[in-house]
C-alpha cells in the first residue's frame, strides 16, 4: 500500500472537510469551527438531516451517515449537533427496538431505506443501534440488539444486505453479545472476497469503532484485501463513481490505520 500517493490524491482532489478528515486521521488535528459548521450544515430542528431523495424529510440513514463523518473528525457525544442527532434517533425507535423510515416517504425511499421492507428495517436498526451503542446511554442499543438477534436465520445471518451483518456485529460486540456476533462473523468471513473497497473499509471501521481488536482475524483478512485494491495513483475507486473516490480513499486509509498498516510520520 502506497500511503504517500493516497495522501497526495486526497490533498489534491478533496474538499475542505475531506482534507480536515485527513488531518485528523494523520496528526489528530481537530477541525476548525468552519469545518465543523460545514459538516453539520443542514441539520434540521428535530436533530436529523435530509437525504438526497427527500429534501424536506429527516432521514435515519442520512443522520447515521453524518454521525459517521463526525466520528471521523473526532467529534463525539459531547458535540451539541451529535447530541441532537442521537436524541433524534432515540425518539424514532419503535417499541420492538427496530427503526424504519416514515411511511410517508415510501414512494421516494431507495431500497435500503424503504419502510415496510424487512431488509431495510434490519439495516436501519443495525445502523441506528450502532450509533446509539457508541454515543447513547445504552438502553436503545440494547433493545436494538435484541430485535436484531430475534431476526437471525438458521444459517447464522440476518436477511437482506451484507452490510447489515457487520453493523449488527458491531452492536453486539459493543454490548458483549458474543453468540450472535460470532454467527454473523462466520458468514462475513466467507464473503469477504466479494466486497468492494468501500465495504471492506466500512466493515473494518465499524468493528474497530466497537472495540474489536486490530489483530482480529476478520479485520486482518479484510485489510489485506483492501491493500491490494489500491489504484496506481493512490486512490481506492468507488463503485458509486469518481465523485466518491476521495471519500472511499479516506475510508480505506482510516481502516488500514486502525489495522496498523498505514503509519504516517511526516506531513
C-alpha atoms as a PDB file:
ATOM      1  CA  UNK A   1       0.000   0.000   0.000  1.00  0.00           C
ATOM      2  CA  UNK A   2       1.387   3.402  -1.023  1.00  0.00           C
ATOM      3  CA  UNK A   3       0.387   5.810   1.747  1.00  0.00           C
ATOM      4  CA  UNK A   4       2.146   8.827   0.247  1.00  0.00           C
ATOM      5  CA  UNK A   5       0.251   8.518  -3.030  1.00  0.00           C
ATOM      6  CA  UNK A   6      -3.058   8.138  -1.204  1.00  0.00           C
ATOM      7  CA  UNK A   7      -2.400  11.252   0.888  1.00  0.00           C
ATOM      8  CA  UNK A   8      -1.394  13.251  -2.206  1.00  0.00           C
ATOM      9  CA  UNK A   9      -4.564  12.164  -4.008  1.00  0.00           C
ATOM     10  CA  UNK A  10      -6.776  13.346  -1.145  1.00  0.00           C
ATOM     11  CA  UNK A  11      -4.956  16.666  -0.742  1.00  0.00           C
ATOM     12  CA  UNK A  12      -5.225  17.282  -4.488  1.00  0.00           C
ATOM     13  CA  UNK A  13      -8.816  16.180  -5.065  1.00  0.00           C
ATOM     14  CA  UNK A  14     -10.531  16.596  -1.679  1.00  0.00           C
ATOM     15  CA  UNK A  15     -12.721  19.409  -0.415  1.00  0.00           C
ATOM     16  CA  UNK A  16     -12.143  21.312   2.829  1.00  0.00           C
ATOM     17  CA  UNK A  17     -13.992  18.824   5.041  1.00  0.00           C
ATOM     18  CA  UNK A  18     -12.237  15.867   3.414  1.00  0.00           C
ATOM     19  CA  UNK A  19      -8.818  17.448   3.910  1.00  0.00           C
ATOM     20  CA  UNK A  20      -9.745  18.100   7.547  1.00  0.00           C
ATOM     21  CA  UNK A  21     -10.671  14.428   7.897  1.00  0.00           C
ATOM     22  CA  UNK A  22      -7.237  13.571   6.530  1.00  0.00           C
ATOM     23  CA  UNK A  23      -5.502  15.895   9.009  1.00  0.00           C
ATOM     24  CA  UNK A  24      -7.375  14.350  11.917  1.00  0.00           C
ATOM     25  CA  UNK A  25      -6.523  10.875  10.653  1.00  0.00           C
ATOM     26  CA  UNK A  26      -2.821  11.630  10.228  1.00  0.00           C
ATOM     27  CA  UNK A  27      -1.993  14.013  13.074  1.00  0.00           C
ATOM     28  CA  UNK A  28      -5.082  14.177  15.337  1.00  0.00           C
ATOM     29  CA  UNK A  29      -5.675  17.783  14.317  1.00  0.00           C
ATOM     30  CA  UNK A  30      -9.097  18.938  15.497  1.00  0.00           C
ATOM     31  CA  UNK A  31     -11.168  20.526  12.701  1.00  0.00           C
ATOM     32  CA  UNK A  32     -11.707  24.266  12.616  1.00  0.00           C
ATOM     33  CA  UNK A  33     -15.047  25.797  13.573  1.00  0.00           C
ATOM     34  CA  UNK A  34     -15.634  26.471   9.888  1.00  0.00           C
ATOM     35  CA  UNK A  35     -15.197  22.804   9.007  1.00  0.00           C
ATOM     36  CA  UNK A  36     -17.446  21.702  11.884  1.00  0.00           C
ATOM     37  CA  UNK A  37     -20.117  24.132  10.683  1.00  0.00           C
ATOM     38  CA  UNK A  38     -19.829  22.767   7.134  1.00  0.00           C
ATOM     39  CA  UNK A  39     -20.127  19.200   8.359  1.00  0.00           C
ATOM     40  CA  UNK A  40     -23.254  19.898  10.373  1.00  0.00           C
ATOM     41  CA  UNK A  41     -24.834  22.275   7.853  1.00  0.00           C
ATOM     42  CA  UNK A  42     -28.434  21.455   7.114  1.00  0.00           C
ATOM     43  CA  UNK A  43     -29.232  19.817  10.463  1.00  0.00           C
ATOM     44  CA  UNK A  44     -32.973  20.075  10.874  1.00  0.00           C
ATOM     45  CA  UNK A  45     -34.773  21.317  14.020  1.00  0.00           C
ATOM     46  CA  UNK A  46     -35.511  17.728  15.087  1.00  0.00           C
ATOM     47  CA  UNK A  47     -31.801  16.819  15.012  1.00  0.00           C
ATOM     48  CA  UNK A  48     -31.822  14.815  11.782  1.00  0.00           C
ATOM     49  CA  UNK A  49     -30.639  15.504   8.246  1.00  0.00           C
ATOM     50  CA  UNK A  50     -32.462  15.274   4.940  1.00  0.00           C
ATOM     51  CA  UNK A  51     -31.367  12.576   2.466  1.00  0.00           C
ATOM     52  CA  UNK A  52     -30.692  13.196  -1.214  1.00  0.00           C
ATOM     53  CA  UNK A  53     -34.002  11.548  -2.077  1.00  0.00           C
ATOM     54  CA  UNK A  54     -36.310  13.674   0.140  1.00  0.00           C
ATOM     55  CA  UNK A  55     -35.172  17.231   0.849  1.00  0.00           C
ATOM     56  CA  UNK A  56     -37.923  18.087   3.361  1.00  0.00           C
ATOM     57  CA  UNK A  57     -37.662  14.934   5.477  1.00  0.00           C
ATOM     58  CA  UNK A  58     -35.377  13.933   8.348  1.00  0.00           C
ATOM     59  CA  UNK A  59     -33.879  10.562   7.483  1.00  0.00           C
ATOM     60  CA  UNK A  60     -32.472   7.936   9.825  1.00  0.00           C
ATOM     61  CA  UNK A  61     -29.966   6.813   7.208  1.00  0.00           C
ATOM     62  CA  UNK A  62     -28.759  10.329   6.379  1.00  0.00           C
ATOM     63  CA  UNK A  63     -28.366  11.100  10.076  1.00  0.00           C
ATOM     64  CA  UNK A  64     -26.298   7.952  10.673  1.00  0.00           C
ATOM     65  CA  UNK A  65     -24.058   8.941   7.759  1.00  0.00           C
ATOM     66  CA  UNK A  66     -23.489  12.395   9.278  1.00  0.00           C
ATOM     67  CA  UNK A  67     -22.639  10.814  12.632  1.00  0.00           C
ATOM     68  CA  UNK A  68     -20.076   8.622  10.895  1.00  0.00           C
ATOM     69  CA  UNK A  69     -18.485  11.715   9.351  1.00  0.00           C
ATOM     70  CA  UNK A  70     -18.416  13.422  12.738  1.00  0.00           C
ATOM     71  CA  UNK A  71     -16.746  10.440  14.372  1.00  0.00           C
ATOM     72  CA  UNK A  72     -14.039  10.522  11.706  1.00  0.00           C
ATOM     73  CA  UNK A  73     -13.276  14.117  12.688  1.00  0.00           C
ATOM     74  CA  UNK A  74     -13.003  13.244  16.369  1.00  0.00           C
ATOM     75  CA  UNK A  75     -16.379  14.803  17.224  1.00  0.00           C
ATOM     76  CA  UNK A  76     -18.063  12.662  19.848  1.00  0.00           C
ATOM     77  CA  UNK A  77     -21.123  12.561  22.060  1.00  0.00           C
ATOM     78  CA  UNK A  78     -20.283  15.883  23.707  1.00  0.00           C
ATOM     79  CA  UNK A  79     -20.732  17.821  20.473  1.00  0.00           C
ATOM     80  CA  UNK A  80     -24.126  19.645  20.512  1.00  0.00           C
ATOM     81  CA  UNK A  81     -25.052  18.582  16.967  1.00  0.00           C
ATOM     82  CA  UNK A  82     -24.151  14.971  17.772  1.00  0.00           C
ATOM     83  CA  UNK A  83     -26.292  15.066  20.926  1.00  0.00           C
ATOM     84  CA  UNK A  84     -29.238  16.341  18.910  1.00  0.00           C
ATOM     85  CA  UNK A  85     -28.745  13.650  16.280  1.00  0.00           C
ATOM     86  CA  UNK A  86     -28.592  10.864  18.877  1.00  0.00           C
ATOM     87  CA  UNK A  87     -31.756  12.195  20.525  1.00  0.00           C
ATOM     88  CA  UNK A  88     -33.450  12.200  17.113  1.00  0.00           C
ATOM     89  CA  UNK A  89     -32.555   8.549  16.529  1.00  0.00           C
ATOM     90  CA  UNK A  90     -33.722   7.569  20.016  1.00  0.00           C
ATOM     91  CA  UNK A  91     -37.110   9.228  19.501  1.00  0.00           C
ATOM     92  CA  UNK A  92     -37.650   7.394  16.236  1.00  0.00           C
ATOM     93  CA  UNK A  93     -37.073   3.887  17.650  1.00  0.00           C
ATOM     94  CA  UNK A  94     -40.122   1.599  17.580  1.00  0.00           C
ATOM     95  CA  UNK A  95     -41.386  -0.232  20.659  1.00  0.00           C
ATOM     96  CA  UNK A  96     -39.917  -3.526  19.423  1.00  0.00           C
ATOM     97  CA  UNK A  97     -36.432  -1.969  19.185  1.00  0.00           C
ATOM     98  CA  UNK A  98     -36.365  -1.516  15.420  1.00  0.00           C
ATOM     99  CA  UNK A  99     -36.181   1.520  13.143  1.00  0.00           C
ATOM    100  CA  UNK A 100     -37.893   2.296   9.841  1.00  0.00           C
ATOM    101  CA  UNK A 101     -38.124   5.425   7.753  1.00  0.00           C
ATOM    102  CA  UNK A 102     -41.562   7.031   7.840  1.00  0.00           C
ATOM    103  CA  UNK A 103     -44.316   5.545   5.684  1.00  0.00           C
ATOM    104  CA  UNK A 104     -44.900   8.938   4.083  1.00  0.00           C
ATOM    105  CA  UNK A 105     -41.645   8.585   2.105  1.00  0.00           C
ATOM    106  CA  UNK A 106     -42.224   5.008   0.932  1.00  0.00           C
ATOM    107  CA  UNK A 107     -42.550   6.024  -2.730  1.00  0.00           C
ATOM    108  CA  UNK A 108     -39.296   8.031  -2.648  1.00  0.00           C
ATOM    109  CA  UNK A 109     -37.027   5.908  -0.473  1.00  0.00           C
ATOM    110  CA  UNK A 110     -34.282   3.778  -2.057  1.00  0.00           C
ATOM    111  CA  UNK A 111     -34.267   0.012  -1.353  1.00  0.00           C
ATOM    112  CA  UNK A 112     -32.051   0.258   1.728  1.00  0.00           C
ATOM    113  CA  UNK A 113     -34.424   2.741   3.382  1.00  0.00           C
ATOM    114  CA  UNK A 114     -37.839   1.572   2.185  1.00  0.00           C
ATOM    115  CA  UNK A 115     -40.382   1.414   5.049  1.00  0.00           C
ATOM    116  CA  UNK A 116     -42.173  -1.910   5.375  1.00  0.00           C
ATOM    117  CA  UNK A 117     -39.245  -3.868   3.894  1.00  0.00           C
ATOM    118  CA  UNK A 118     -37.543  -6.267   6.330  1.00  0.00           C
ATOM    119  CA  UNK A 119     -34.100  -5.878   4.729  1.00  0.00           C
ATOM    120  CA  UNK A 120     -34.291  -2.084   5.067  1.00  0.00           C
ATOM    121  CA  UNK A 121     -35.631  -2.354   8.624  1.00  0.00           C
ATOM    122  CA  UNK A 122     -32.747  -4.585   9.687  1.00  0.00           C
ATOM    123  CA  UNK A 123     -30.150  -2.360   8.035  1.00  0.00           C
ATOM    124  CA  UNK A 124     -31.526   0.795   9.662  1.00  0.00           C
ATOM    125  CA  UNK A 125     -31.856  -0.944  13.027  1.00  0.00           C
ATOM    126  CA  UNK A 126     -28.256  -2.126  12.907  1.00  0.00           C
ATOM    127  CA  UNK A 127     -27.008   1.301  11.786  1.00  0.00           C
ATOM    128  CA  UNK A 128     -29.013   3.342  14.308  1.00  0.00           C
ATOM    129  CA  UNK A 129     -28.288   0.783  17.021  1.00  0.00           C
ATOM    130  CA  UNK A 130     -24.565   1.075  16.403  1.00  0.00           C
ATOM    131  CA  UNK A 131     -24.503   4.853  16.879  1.00  0.00           C
ATOM    132  CA  UNK A 132     -26.623   4.621  19.988  1.00  0.00           C
ATOM    133  CA  UNK A 133     -24.266   1.946  21.327  1.00  0.00           C
ATOM    134  CA  UNK A 134     -21.307   4.251  20.650  1.00  0.00           C
ATOM    135  CA  UNK A 135     -22.783   7.633  21.638  1.00  0.00           C
ATOM    136  CA  UNK A 136     -26.031   6.946  23.533  1.00  0.00           C
ATOM    137  CA  UNK A 137     -26.870   5.779  27.046  1.00  0.00           C
ATOM    138  CA  UNK A 138     -27.236   2.107  26.093  1.00  0.00           C
ATOM    139  CA  UNK A 139     -30.934   1.375  26.611  1.00  0.00           C
ATOM    140  CA  UNK A 140     -31.959   1.944  23.000  1.00  0.00           C
ATOM    141  CA  UNK A 141     -28.945   0.000  21.760  1.00  0.00           C
ATOM    142  CA  UNK A 142     -29.851  -2.963  23.970  1.00  0.00           C
ATOM    143  CA  UNK A 143     -33.365  -3.041  22.528  1.00  0.00           C
ATOM    144  CA  UNK A 144     -31.923  -2.823  19.019  1.00  0.00           C
ATOM    145  CA  UNK A 145     -29.545  -5.707  19.758  1.00  0.00           C
ATOM    146  CA  UNK A 146     -32.426  -7.839  20.997  1.00  0.00           C
ATOM    147  CA  UNK A 147     -34.536  -7.120  17.931  1.00  0.00           C
ATOM    148  CA  UNK A 148     -31.646  -7.957  15.600  1.00  0.00           C
ATOM    149  CA  UNK A 149     -30.922 -11.215  17.410  1.00  0.00           C
ATOM    150  CA  UNK A 150     -34.592 -12.205  17.097  1.00  0.00           C
ATOM    151  CA  UNK A 151     -34.266 -11.929  13.306  1.00  0.00           C
ATOM    152  CA  UNK A 152     -31.213 -14.171  12.891  1.00  0.00           C
ATOM    153  CA  UNK A 153     -31.885 -17.013  10.442  1.00  0.00           C
ATOM    154  CA  UNK A 154     -30.916 -20.637  10.902  1.00  0.00           C
ATOM    155  CA  UNK A 155     -27.965 -20.125   8.556  1.00  0.00           C
ATOM    156  CA  UNK A 156     -26.487 -17.609  11.018  1.00  0.00           C
ATOM    157  CA  UNK A 157     -27.140 -14.372   9.179  1.00  0.00           C
ATOM    158  CA  UNK A 158     -29.683 -11.580   9.041  1.00  0.00           C
ATOM    159  CA  UNK A 159     -31.937 -11.389   5.992  1.00  0.00           C
ATOM    160  CA  UNK A 160     -31.091  -8.722   3.438  1.00  0.00           C
ATOM    161  CA  UNK A 161     -27.982  -6.664   2.885  1.00  0.00           C
ATOM    162  CA  UNK A 162     -24.464  -7.884   3.608  1.00  0.00           C
ATOM    163  CA  UNK A 163     -23.541  -4.621   5.351  1.00  0.00           C
ATOM    164  CA  UNK A 164     -26.299  -5.232   7.880  1.00  0.00           C
ATOM    165  CA  UNK A 165     -24.228  -8.160   9.146  1.00  0.00           C
ATOM    166  CA  UNK A 166     -21.180  -6.114  10.136  1.00  0.00           C
ATOM    167  CA  UNK A 167     -23.233  -3.261  11.552  1.00  0.00           C
ATOM    168  CA  UNK A 168     -25.116  -5.748  13.729  1.00  0.00           C
ATOM    169  CA  UNK A 169     -21.840  -7.439  14.685  1.00  0.00           C
ATOM    170  CA  UNK A 170     -20.587  -4.036  15.840  1.00  0.00           C
ATOM    171  CA  UNK A 171     -23.676  -3.529  18.017  1.00  0.00           C
ATOM    172  CA  UNK A 172     -23.384  -6.999  19.529  1.00  0.00           C
ATOM    173  CA  UNK A 173     -19.647  -6.696  20.149  1.00  0.00           C
ATOM    174  CA  UNK A 174     -20.006  -3.334  21.852  1.00  0.00           C
ATOM    175  CA  UNK A 175     -22.744  -4.777  24.076  1.00  0.00           C
ATOM    176  CA  UNK A 176     -20.823  -8.037  24.654  1.00  0.00           C
ATOM    177  CA  UNK A 177     -23.431 -10.274  22.973  1.00  0.00           C
ATOM    178  CA  UNK A 178     -20.899 -12.767  21.680  1.00  0.00           C
ATOM    179  CA  UNK A 179     -23.105 -15.584  20.379  1.00  0.00           C
ATOM    180  CA  UNK A 180     -24.979 -13.661  17.645  1.00  0.00           C
ATOM    181  CA  UNK A 181     -21.813 -11.730  16.817  1.00  0.00           C
ATOM    182  CA  UNK A 182     -19.856 -14.905  16.130  1.00  0.00           C
ATOM    183  CA  UNK A 183     -22.658 -16.230  13.972  1.00  0.00           C
ATOM    184  CA  UNK A 184     -22.622 -13.333  11.503  1.00  0.00           C
ATOM    185  CA  UNK A 185     -18.827 -13.015  11.638  1.00  0.00           C
ATOM    186  CA  UNK A 186     -18.514 -16.545  10.285  1.00  0.00           C
ATOM    187  CA  UNK A 187     -20.811 -15.603   7.434  1.00  0.00           C
ATOM    188  CA  UNK A 188     -18.854 -12.415   6.722  1.00  0.00           C
ATOM    189  CA  UNK A 189     -15.531 -14.231   6.641  1.00  0.00           C
ATOM    190  CA  UNK A 190     -16.860 -16.485   3.881  1.00  0.00           C
ATOM    191  CA  UNK A 191     -17.965 -13.477   1.824  1.00  0.00           C
ATOM    192  CA  UNK A 192     -15.084 -11.021   2.221  1.00  0.00           C
ATOM    193  CA  UNK A 193     -13.747 -11.607  -1.288  1.00  0.00           C
ATOM    194  CA  UNK A 194     -16.989 -10.271  -2.768  1.00  0.00           C
ATOM    195  CA  UNK A 195     -16.753  -6.880  -1.049  1.00  0.00           C
ATOM    196  CA  UNK A 196     -15.832  -3.643  -2.825  1.00  0.00           C
ATOM    197  CA  UNK A 197     -13.131  -1.452  -1.217  1.00  0.00           C
ATOM    198  CA  UNK A 198     -15.731   0.883   0.314  1.00  0.00           C
ATOM    199  CA  UNK A 199     -17.422  -2.044   2.017  1.00  0.00           C
ATOM    200  CA  UNK A 200     -14.184  -3.595   3.239  1.00  0.00           C
ATOM    201  CA  UNK A 201     -13.374  -0.231   4.828  1.00  0.00           C
ATOM    202  CA  UNK A 202     -16.857   0.086   6.294  1.00  0.00           C
ATOM    203  CA  UNK A 203     -16.614  -3.366   7.851  1.00  0.00           C
ATOM    204  CA  UNK A 204     -13.224  -2.597   9.409  1.00  0.00           C
ATOM    205  CA  UNK A 205     -14.117   0.849  10.739  1.00  0.00           C
ATOM    206  CA  UNK A 206     -17.432  -0.390  12.156  1.00  0.00           C
ATOM    207  CA  UNK A 207     -15.903  -3.253  14.087  1.00  0.00           C
ATOM    208  CA  UNK A 208     -12.900  -1.201  15.195  1.00  0.00           C
ATOM    209  CA  UNK A 209     -15.213   1.550  16.487  1.00  0.00           C
ATOM    210  CA  UNK A 210     -16.977  -1.151  18.506  1.00  0.00           C
ATOM    211  CA  UNK A 211     -13.589  -2.049  20.085  1.00  0.00           C
ATOM    212  CA  UNK A 212     -12.770  -5.170  18.058  1.00  0.00           C
ATOM    213  CA  UNK A 213      -9.005  -5.708  18.198  1.00  0.00           C
ATOM    214  CA  UNK A 214      -6.860  -4.601  15.274  1.00  0.00           C
ATOM    215  CA  UNK A 215      -5.346  -8.103  15.304  1.00  0.00           C
ATOM    216  CA  UNK A 216      -8.717  -9.785  14.870  1.00  0.00           C
ATOM    217  CA  UNK A 217      -8.525 -12.370  12.017  1.00  0.00           C
ATOM    218  CA  UNK A 218     -11.583 -10.988  10.210  1.00  0.00           C
ATOM    219  CA  UNK A 219     -10.182  -7.455  10.232  1.00  0.00           C
ATOM    220  CA  UNK A 220      -6.748  -8.691   9.153  1.00  0.00           C
ATOM    221  CA  UNK A 221      -8.175 -10.545   6.152  1.00  0.00           C
ATOM    222  CA  UNK A 222     -10.296  -7.558   5.173  1.00  0.00           C
ATOM    223  CA  UNK A 223      -7.279  -5.238   5.462  1.00  0.00           C
ATOM    224  CA  UNK A 224      -5.180  -7.466   3.219  1.00  0.00           C
ATOM    225  CA  UNK A 225      -7.874  -7.428   0.539  1.00  0.00           C
ATOM    226  CA  UNK A 226      -8.206  -3.667   0.889  1.00  0.00           C
ATOM    227  CA  UNK A 227      -4.472  -3.074   0.485  1.00  0.00           C
ATOM    228  CA  UNK A 228      -4.479  -4.954  -2.806  1.00  0.00           C
ATOM    229  CA  UNK A 229      -7.347  -2.839  -4.178  1.00  0.00           C
ATOM    230  CA  UNK A 230      -5.392   0.451  -4.241  1.00  0.00           C
ATOM    231  CA  UNK A 231      -5.091   2.058  -7.686  1.00  0.00           C
ATOM    232  CA  UNK A 232      -1.817   3.141  -9.270  1.00  0.00           C
ATOM    233  CA  UNK A 233      -2.367   6.846  -8.497  1.00  0.00           C
ATOM    234  CA  UNK A 234      -3.029   6.137  -4.809  1.00  0.00           C
ATOM    235  CA  UNK A 235      -6.816   6.170  -4.768  1.00  0.00           C
ATOM    236  CA  UNK A 236      -9.331   3.494  -3.958  1.00  0.00           C
ATOM    237  CA  UNK A 237     -12.147   3.612  -6.505  1.00  0.00           C
ATOM    238  CA  UNK A 238     -15.793   3.864  -5.534  1.00  0.00           C
ATOM    239  CA  UNK A 239     -18.460   1.668  -7.063  1.00  0.00           C
ATOM    240  CA  UNK A 240     -20.657   4.799  -6.951  1.00  0.00           C
ATOM    241  CA  UNK A 241     -18.469   6.721  -9.395  1.00  0.00           C
ATOM    242  CA  UNK A 242     -15.448   9.079  -9.396  1.00  0.00           C
ATOM    243  CA  UNK A 243     -17.169  11.737  -7.268  1.00  0.00           C
ATOM    244  CA  UNK A 244     -16.876   9.381  -4.284  1.00  0.00           C
ATOM    245  CA  UNK A 245     -13.240   8.361  -4.815  1.00  0.00           C
ATOM    246  CA  UNK A 246     -11.828  10.775  -2.217  1.00  0.00           C
ATOM    247  CA  UNK A 247     -14.334   9.612   0.388  1.00  0.00           C
ATOM    248  CA  UNK A 248     -13.567   5.958  -0.316  1.00  0.00           C
ATOM    249  CA  UNK A 249      -9.824   6.628  -0.195  1.00  0.00           C
ATOM    250  CA  UNK A 250     -10.194   8.338   3.182  1.00  0.00           C
ATOM    251  CA  UNK A 251     -12.231   5.403   4.451  1.00  0.00           C
ATOM    252  CA  UNK A 252      -9.596   2.956   3.220  1.00  0.00           C
ATOM    253  CA  UNK A 253      -6.742   4.876   4.854  1.00  0.00           C
ATOM    254  CA  UNK A 254      -8.588   5.019   8.146  1.00  0.00           C
ATOM    255  CA  UNK A 255      -9.396   1.318   8.022  1.00  0.00           C
ATOM    256  CA  UNK A 256      -5.780   0.405   7.281  1.00  0.00           C
ATOM    257  CA  UNK A 257      -4.521   2.731  10.000  1.00  0.00           C
ATOM    258  CA  UNK A 258      -6.853   1.069  12.503  1.00  0.00           C
ATOM    259  CA  UNK A 259      -5.308  -2.251  11.483  1.00  0.00           C
ATOM    260  CA  UNK A 260      -1.789  -0.897  11.919  1.00  0.00           C
ATOM    261  CA  UNK A 261      -0.993  -0.814   8.201  1.00  0.00           C
ATOM    262  CA  UNK A 262      -0.915   2.923   7.443  1.00  0.00           C
ATOM    263  CA  UNK A 263       1.603   4.636   9.672  1.00  0.00           C
ATOM    264  CA  UNK A 264       2.287   8.251   8.783  1.00  0.00           C
ATOM    265  CA  UNK A 265       5.258  10.032  10.326  1.00  0.00           C
ATOM    266  CA  UNK A 266       5.566  13.362   8.495  1.00  0.00           C
ATOM    267  CA  UNK A 267       3.437  15.957   6.711  1.00  0.00           C
END
